[in-house]
Amino acid sequence: MNHSNPRVEYPDLFKLSVDERLELVEELWDSIAADAAPEPESAAVVAILEERMAQYRADPASGISWEEARRLMRED
């Protein structure tokens, strides 16, 4: 894995607004998930994910941080 500094390699990305960077992260994540997924998700799973994403987009404050999500997963 290349350990170069992304701020040096891709300075224009860091000039984007927070919203633009979040959108880019989402697109990148979707592309990684598509490449890494061994088989397509079921329609039910896709429906749930789309519903949750719509809820988050309607109220971003309703989301939780990765740290909080990880803590909640470990509680179970």
Protein backbone atom coordinates (compact mmCIF):
# COMPACT_ATOMS: atom_id res chain seq x y z
CA MET A 1 0.00 0.00 0.00
CA ASN A 2 1.27 3.45 -0.89
CA HIS A 3 1.75 5.61 2.20
CA SER A 4 1.93 8.94 0.41
CA ASN A 5 0.29 12.02 1.84
CA PRO A 6 -3.17 12.50 0.26
CA ARG A 7 -3.04 16.24 0.98
CA VAL A 8 0.06 16.43 -1.21
CA GLU A 9 -1.10 13.93 -3.83
CA TYR A 10 -4.64 15.33 -4.18
CA PRO A 11 -4.62 18.93 -2.91
CA ASP A 12 -7.76 19.89 -4.86
CA LEU A 13 -9.82 17.32 -2.96
CA PHE A 14 -9.10 19.12 0.29
CA LYS A 15 -10.39 22.38 -1.20
CA LEU A 16 -13.87 20.88 -1.52
CA SER A 17 -16.54 21.75 1.03
CA VAL A 18 -17.36 19.26 3.76
CA ASP A 19 -20.59 18.34 1.95
CA GLU A 20 -18.72 17.77 -1.31
CA ARG A 21 -16.10 15.63 0.43
CA LEU A 22 -18.80 13.57 2.16
CA GLU A 23 -20.49 13.01 -1.19
CA LEU A 24 -17.16 11.93 -2.68
CA VAL A 25 -16.53 9.56 0.23
CA GLU A 26 -19.98 8.05 -0.31
CA GLU A 27 -19.29 7.56 -4.02
CA LEU A 28 -15.87 6.04 -3.30
CA TRP A 29 -17.34 3.75 -0.65
CA ASP A 30 -20.08 2.65 -3.04
CA SER A 31 -17.47 1.85 -5.70
CA ILE A 32 -15.37 -0.12 -3.21
CA ALA A 33 -18.41 -2.02 -1.99
CA ALA A 34 -19.44 -2.81 -5.56
CA ASP A 35 -15.97 -4.10 -6.42
CA ALA A 36 -15.61 -6.07 -3.19
CA ALA A 37 -19.10 -7.55 -2.98
CA PRO A 38 -19.06 -11.23 -3.98
CA GLU A 39 -22.74 -11.13 -4.93
CA PRO A 40 -25.43 -8.48 -5.21
CA GLU A 41 -27.38 -7.55 -2.12
CA SER A 42 -30.93 -8.78 -1.89
CA ALA A 43 -33.71 -6.37 -2.78
CA ALA A 44 -34.76 -6.33 0.88
CA VAL A 45 -31.30 -5.29 2.06
CA VAL A 46 -31.09 -2.60 -0.63
CA ALA A 47 -34.50 -1.26 0.40
CA ILE A 48 -33.43 -1.04 4.05
CA LEU A 49 -30.17 0.70 3.17
CA GLU A 50 -31.91 3.16 0.87
CA GLU A 51 -34.48 3.95 3.55
CA ARG A 52 -31.78 4.53 6.15
CA MET A 53 -29.76 6.71 3.79
CA ALA A 54 -32.87 8.76 2.98
CA GLN A 55 -33.51 9.22 6.71
CA TYR A 56 -29.91 10.34 7.24
CA ARG A 57 -30.03 12.76 4.30
CA ALA A 58 -33.28 14.24 5.64
CA ASP A 59 -31.72 14.71 9.09
CA PRO A 60 -27.91 14.34 9.17
CA ALA A 61 -27.94 15.04 12.91
CA SER A 62 -29.73 11.72 13.36
CA GLY A 63 -26.56 9.83 12.42
CA ILE A 64 -23.94 8.66 14.88
CA SER A 65 -20.17 8.61 14.68
CA TRP A 66 -18.21 5.50 13.77
CA GLU A 67 -16.92 5.40 17.35
CA GLU A 68 -20.49 5.34 18.71
CA ALA A 69 -21.58 2.69 16.19
CA ARG A 70 -18.60 0.53 17.11
CA ARG A 71 -19.36 0.94 20.82
CA LEU A 72 -22.99 -0.07 20.24
CA MET A 73 -21.95 -3.14 18.23
CA ARG A 74 -19.60 -4.25 20.99
CA GLU A 75 -22.37 -3.98 23.59
CA ASP A 76 -24.33 -6.76 21.90
